[in-house]
Amino acid sequence: LANYDGKPAYGEIESLMQELRTKIEKESDYFVYVISINGSIDGTLIEVLNSLEEYYTRSNDDGLVYHVPLDQADLSVLRTLIGHPAVEEIWITGTPYADVPTEHSETL
């Protein structure tokens, strides 16, 4: 994804998420976000993670796991996560969550 001021453009994220939604909605009602953090957590990142708190499922070796309803995916949250220097990787897939990527997952 191209970066603008350290963050990808909304249009790029919207296009990618729509493509994922089309694949995932055939088998699930959720996006699964796995967020790997490696770096300094600042107020912006805390605020974004707090906004996802109700969807938090667990932590594992891959990172923080969230099950987000397809209709609740907030592009501004994703844009902040993708552009944040402390976020090492974001893996988005459908449920059920497995510890290995599926054909319908996307690493950002």
Protein backbone atom coordinates (compact mmCIF):
# COMPACT_ATOMS: atom_id res chain seq x y z
CA LEU A 1 0.00 0.00 0.00
CA ALA A 2 1.25 3.45 -0.83
CA ASN A 3 1.84 5.76 2.10
CA TYR A 4 0.66 9.33 2.44
CA ASP A 5 1.96 11.07 5.57
CA GLY A 6 2.90 7.65 6.89
CA LYS A 7 -0.58 6.25 6.28
CA PRO A 8 -2.08 4.53 3.24
CA ALA A 9 -4.83 6.25 1.29
CA TYR A 10 -8.42 5.51 2.33
CA GLY A 11 -9.29 4.42 -1.21
CA GLU A 12 -6.62 1.72 -1.16
CA ILE A 13 -7.80 0.34 2.18
CA GLU A 14 -11.45 0.54 1.15
CA SER A 15 -10.73 -1.38 -2.06
CA LEU A 16 -8.73 -4.07 -0.25
CA MET A 17 -11.33 -4.47 2.52
CA GLN A 18 -14.17 -4.73 0.00
CA GLU A 19 -12.27 -7.45 -1.83
CA LEU A 20 -11.67 -9.32 1.44
CA ARG A 21 -15.30 -8.83 2.53
CA THR A 22 -16.52 -10.40 -0.73
CA LYS A 23 -14.35 -13.48 -0.10
CA ILE A 24 -14.99 -13.77 3.64
CA GLU A 25 -18.76 -13.14 3.74
CA LYS A 26 -19.35 -16.45 1.94
CA GLU A 27 -18.19 -18.31 5.04
CA SER A 28 -18.19 -15.86 7.95
CA ASP A 29 -19.75 -12.75 9.49
CA TYR A 30 -16.42 -11.55 10.86
CA PHE A 31 -13.08 -10.15 9.90
CA VAL A 32 -10.36 -11.51 12.15
CA TYR A 33 -7.58 -9.00 12.77
CA VAL A 34 -4.29 -10.31 14.15
CA ILE A 35 -2.15 -7.33 15.11
CA SER A 36 1.53 -7.81 15.88
CA ILE A 37 3.03 -4.90 17.82
CA ASN A 38 6.77 -4.39 18.10
CA GLY A 39 7.74 -0.95 19.24
CA SER A 40 6.66 1.98 21.36
CA ILE A 41 2.95 2.20 22.01
CA ASP A 42 1.80 5.82 22.03
CA GLY A 43 -1.53 7.50 22.79
CA THR A 44 -2.75 7.13 19.21
CA LEU A 45 -2.19 3.37 19.18
CA ILE A 46 -3.77 2.96 22.63
CA GLU A 47 -6.82 4.91 21.46
CA VAL A 48 -7.21 2.73 18.36
CA LEU A 49 -6.75 -0.53 20.28
CA ASN A 50 -9.28 0.69 22.88
CA SER A 51 -11.78 1.28 20.06
CA LEU A 52 -11.40 -2.42 19.15
CA GLU A 53 -11.65 -3.63 22.76
CA GLU A 54 -15.17 -5.08 22.49
CA TYR A 55 -13.94 -7.32 19.65
CA TYR A 56 -10.81 -8.56 21.47
CA THR A 57 -10.63 -12.36 21.58
CA ARG A 58 -7.18 -13.29 22.86
CA SER A 59 -3.44 -12.88 22.43
CA ASN A 60 -1.14 -15.52 21.04
CA ASP A 61 2.32 -15.76 19.51
CA ASP A 62 1.03 -14.03 16.37
CA GLY A 63 -0.29 -10.98 18.23
CA LEU A 64 -3.57 -9.53 19.47
CA VAL A 65 -6.63 -11.27 17.99
CA TYR A 66 -9.89 -9.42 17.31
CA HIS A 67 -13.14 -10.69 15.73
CA VAL A 68 -14.73 -7.66 14.07
CA PRO A 69 -18.20 -7.94 12.45
CA LEU A 70 -17.99 -7.32 8.70
CA ASP A 71 -20.25 -4.27 9.00
CA GLN A 72 -18.18 -2.77 11.84
CA ALA A 73 -14.81 -2.54 10.09
CA ASP A 74 -13.67 1.06 10.50
CA LEU A 75 -11.35 2.16 7.71
CA SER A 76 -9.86 4.98 9.79
CA VAL A 77 -8.88 2.45 12.48
CA LEU A 78 -7.20 0.26 9.87
CA ARG A 79 -5.51 3.24 8.28
CA THR A 80 -4.01 4.24 11.63
CA LEU A 81 -2.88 0.69 12.41
CA ILE A 82 -1.32 0.17 8.98
CA GLY A 83 0.58 3.45 9.18
CA HIS A 84 1.72 3.14 12.80
CA PRO A 85 5.45 2.47 13.32
CA ALA A 86 4.83 0.17 16.33
CA VAL A 87 2.58 -2.14 14.32
CA GLU A 88 4.83 -4.78 12.83
CA GLU A 89 2.12 -6.63 10.91
CA ILE A 90 -1.64 -6.85 10.51
CA TRP A 91 -3.13 -10.07 9.29
CA ILE A 92 -6.81 -9.98 8.28
CA THR A 93 -8.78 -13.15 7.60
CA GLY A 94 -12.19 -14.73 8.27
CA THR A 95 -13.32 -17.07 11.02
CA PRO A 96 -12.67 -19.55 12.35
CA TYR A 97 -9.29 -18.16 13.29
CA ALA A 98 -6.45 -20.59 12.76
CA ASP A 99 -2.78 -20.09 13.52
CA VAL A 100 -1.92 -20.44 9.84
CA PRO A 101 -3.03 -18.11 7.03
CA THR A 102 -5.93 -19.22 4.87
CA GLU A 103 -6.40 -18.57 1.19
CA HIS A 104 -8.74 -15.72 2.13
CA SER A 105 -6.30 -13.88 4.37
CA GLU A 106 -4.29 -10.78 3.62
CA THR A 107 -1.17 -9.53 5.37
CA LEU A 108 -0.89 -5.76 5.44
